[in-house]
C-alpha cells in the first residue's frame, strides 16, 4: 500500500505564494519523500515526536506522518 500526500490549507496558501519553479521543486521533493522515503529530513529538539521538517533549499517544509493511515500531512513551509 502506498502513502498519500495531504496538504493543509496553510500549506496550500504558502505554496501558492511562491514562484512556480520553487513550488514545483517543493512538490517534487514531497512526492519523492512519499514514494521512496528519501529526502533531507530533520527534526529540531523543540519539535514534537510526530513532526519533521524537509529541507528544500531555501525552504523548509513542516510535515507529519501517520503510519496507521499511511498519510503524510504537509502543514506549512517557510524560507530558511
C-alpha atoms as a PDB file:
ATOM      1  CA  UNK A   1       0.000   0.000   0.000  1.00  0.00           C
ATOM      2  CA  UNK A   2       1.367   3.403  -0.946  1.00  0.00           C
ATOM      3  CA  UNK A   3       1.403   6.581   1.111  1.00  0.00           C
ATOM      4  CA  UNK A   4      -0.810   9.597   0.365  1.00  0.00           C
ATOM      5  CA  UNK A   5       0.201  13.244   0.489  1.00  0.00           C
ATOM      6  CA  UNK A   6      -2.324  15.655   2.052  1.00  0.00           C
ATOM      7  CA  UNK A   7      -1.962  19.428   2.165  1.00  0.00           C
ATOM      8  CA  UNK A   8      -3.382  21.609   4.930  1.00  0.00           C
ATOM      9  CA  UNK A   9      -4.956  24.960   3.940  1.00  0.00           C
ATOM     10  CA  UNK A  10      -1.949  26.927   5.336  1.00  0.00           C
ATOM     11  CA  UNK A  11       0.426  24.729   3.296  1.00  0.00           C
ATOM     12  CA  UNK A  12      -1.579  25.332   0.115  1.00  0.00           C
ATOM     13  CA  UNK A  13      -1.625  29.072   0.782  1.00  0.00           C
ATOM     14  CA  UNK A  14       2.144  29.080   1.395  1.00  0.00           C
ATOM     15  CA  UNK A  15       2.812  27.107  -1.781  1.00  0.00           C
ATOM     16  CA  UNK A  16       0.623  29.397  -3.903  1.00  0.00           C
ATOM     17  CA  UNK A  17       2.622  32.452  -2.800  1.00  0.00           C
ATOM     18  CA  UNK A  18       5.923  31.011  -4.072  1.00  0.00           C
ATOM     19  CA  UNK A  19       7.337  31.377  -7.568  1.00  0.00           C
ATOM     20  CA  UNK A  20       6.064  28.421  -9.582  1.00  0.00           C
ATOM     21  CA  UNK A  21       9.520  26.859 -10.053  1.00  0.00           C
ATOM     22  CA  UNK A  22      10.120  26.846  -6.305  1.00  0.00           C
ATOM     23  CA  UNK A  23       6.648  25.438  -5.663  1.00  0.00           C
ATOM     24  CA  UNK A  24       7.279  22.689  -8.228  1.00  0.00           C
ATOM     25  CA  UNK A  25      10.590  21.769  -6.545  1.00  0.00           C
ATOM     26  CA  UNK A  26       8.867  21.526  -3.177  1.00  0.00           C
ATOM     27  CA  UNK A  27       6.063  19.401  -4.595  1.00  0.00           C
ATOM     28  CA  UNK A  28       8.579  17.126  -6.345  1.00  0.00           C
ATOM     29  CA  UNK A  29      10.600  16.715  -3.115  1.00  0.00           C
ATOM     30  CA  UNK A  30       7.449  15.818  -1.176  1.00  0.00           C
ATOM     31  CA  UNK A  31       6.326  13.353  -3.859  1.00  0.00           C
ATOM     32  CA  UNK A  32       9.771  11.727  -3.674  1.00  0.00           C
ATOM     33  CA  UNK A  33       9.554  11.576   0.115  1.00  0.00           C
ATOM     34  CA  UNK A  34       6.155   9.884  -0.053  1.00  0.00           C
ATOM     35  CA  UNK A  35       7.211   7.475  -2.804  1.00  0.00           C
ATOM     36  CA  UNK A  36      10.675   6.465  -1.536  1.00  0.00           C
ATOM     37  CA  UNK A  37      11.126   7.853   1.972  1.00  0.00           C
ATOM     38  CA  UNK A  38      14.156   9.787   0.691  1.00  0.00           C
ATOM     39  CA  UNK A  39      14.743  13.463   1.392  1.00  0.00           C
ATOM     40  CA  UNK A  40      16.675  15.910   3.532  1.00  0.00           C
ATOM     41  CA  UNK A  41      14.513  15.294   6.623  1.00  0.00           C
ATOM     42  CA  UNK A  42      15.463  16.583  10.062  1.00  0.00           C
ATOM     43  CA  UNK A  43      13.982  17.405  13.459  1.00  0.00           C
ATOM     44  CA  UNK A  44      14.737  20.071  15.995  1.00  0.00           C
ATOM     45  CA  UNK A  45      14.807  19.316  19.696  1.00  0.00           C
ATOM     46  CA  UNK A  46      11.776  21.542  20.156  1.00  0.00           C
ATOM     47  CA  UNK A  47       9.704  19.567  17.603  1.00  0.00           C
ATOM     48  CA  UNK A  48       7.027  17.203  18.831  1.00  0.00           C
ATOM     49  CA  UNK A  49       7.696  13.498  18.159  1.00  0.00           C
ATOM     50  CA  UNK A  50       5.488  13.185  15.074  1.00  0.00           C
ATOM     51  CA  UNK A  51       6.517  16.364  13.251  1.00  0.00           C
ATOM     52  CA  UNK A  52       9.538  16.597  10.973  1.00  0.00           C
ATOM     53  CA  UNK A  53      10.999  19.058   8.506  1.00  0.00           C
ATOM     54  CA  UNK A  54      12.038  18.592   4.904  1.00  0.00           C
ATOM     55  CA  UNK A  55      14.745  20.900   3.612  1.00  0.00           C
ATOM     56  CA  UNK A  56      14.221  22.050   0.014  1.00  0.00           C
ATOM     57  CA  UNK A  57      16.644  24.964  -0.094  1.00  0.00           C
ATOM     58  CA  UNK A  58      15.950  27.769   0.515  1.00  0.00           C
ATOM     59  CA  UNK A  59      12.704  26.495   2.101  1.00  0.00           C
ATOM     60  CA  UNK A  60      11.773  24.168   4.929  1.00  0.00           C
ATOM     61  CA  UNK A  61       8.532  22.183   4.874  1.00  0.00           C
ATOM     62  CA  UNK A  62       6.891  21.123   8.154  1.00  0.00           C
ATOM     63  CA  UNK A  63       5.072  17.809   7.921  1.00  0.00           C
ATOM     64  CA  UNK A  64       3.974  14.813   9.928  1.00  0.00           C
ATOM     65  CA  UNK A  65       3.499  11.163   9.031  1.00  0.00           C
ATOM     66  CA  UNK A  66       0.608   8.969  10.071  1.00  0.00           C
ATOM     67  CA  UNK A  67       1.817   5.371   9.631  1.00  0.00           C
ATOM     68  CA  UNK A  68      -1.545   3.863  10.542  1.00  0.00           C
ATOM     69  CA  UNK A  69      -3.367   5.656   7.705  1.00  0.00           C
ATOM     70  CA  UNK A  70      -0.206   5.954   5.553  1.00  0.00           C
ATOM     71  CA  UNK A  71      -0.624   9.701   5.110  1.00  0.00           C
ATOM     72  CA  UNK A  72       1.979  12.462   5.059  1.00  0.00           C
ATOM     73  CA  UNK A  73       0.387  15.740   6.166  1.00  0.00           C
ATOM     74  CA  UNK A  74       2.049  18.939   4.957  1.00  0.00           C
ATOM     75  CA  UNK A  75       1.399  21.720   7.464  1.00  0.00           C
ATOM     76  CA  UNK A  76       3.273  24.740   6.107  1.00  0.00           C
ATOM     77  CA  UNK A  77       6.564  25.914   4.609  1.00  0.00           C
ATOM     78  CA  UNK A  78       8.850  28.830   5.248  1.00  0.00           C
ATOM     79  CA  UNK A  79      12.009  30.372   3.899  1.00  0.00           C
ATOM     80  CA  UNK A  80      15.025  29.212   5.891  1.00  0.00           C
END
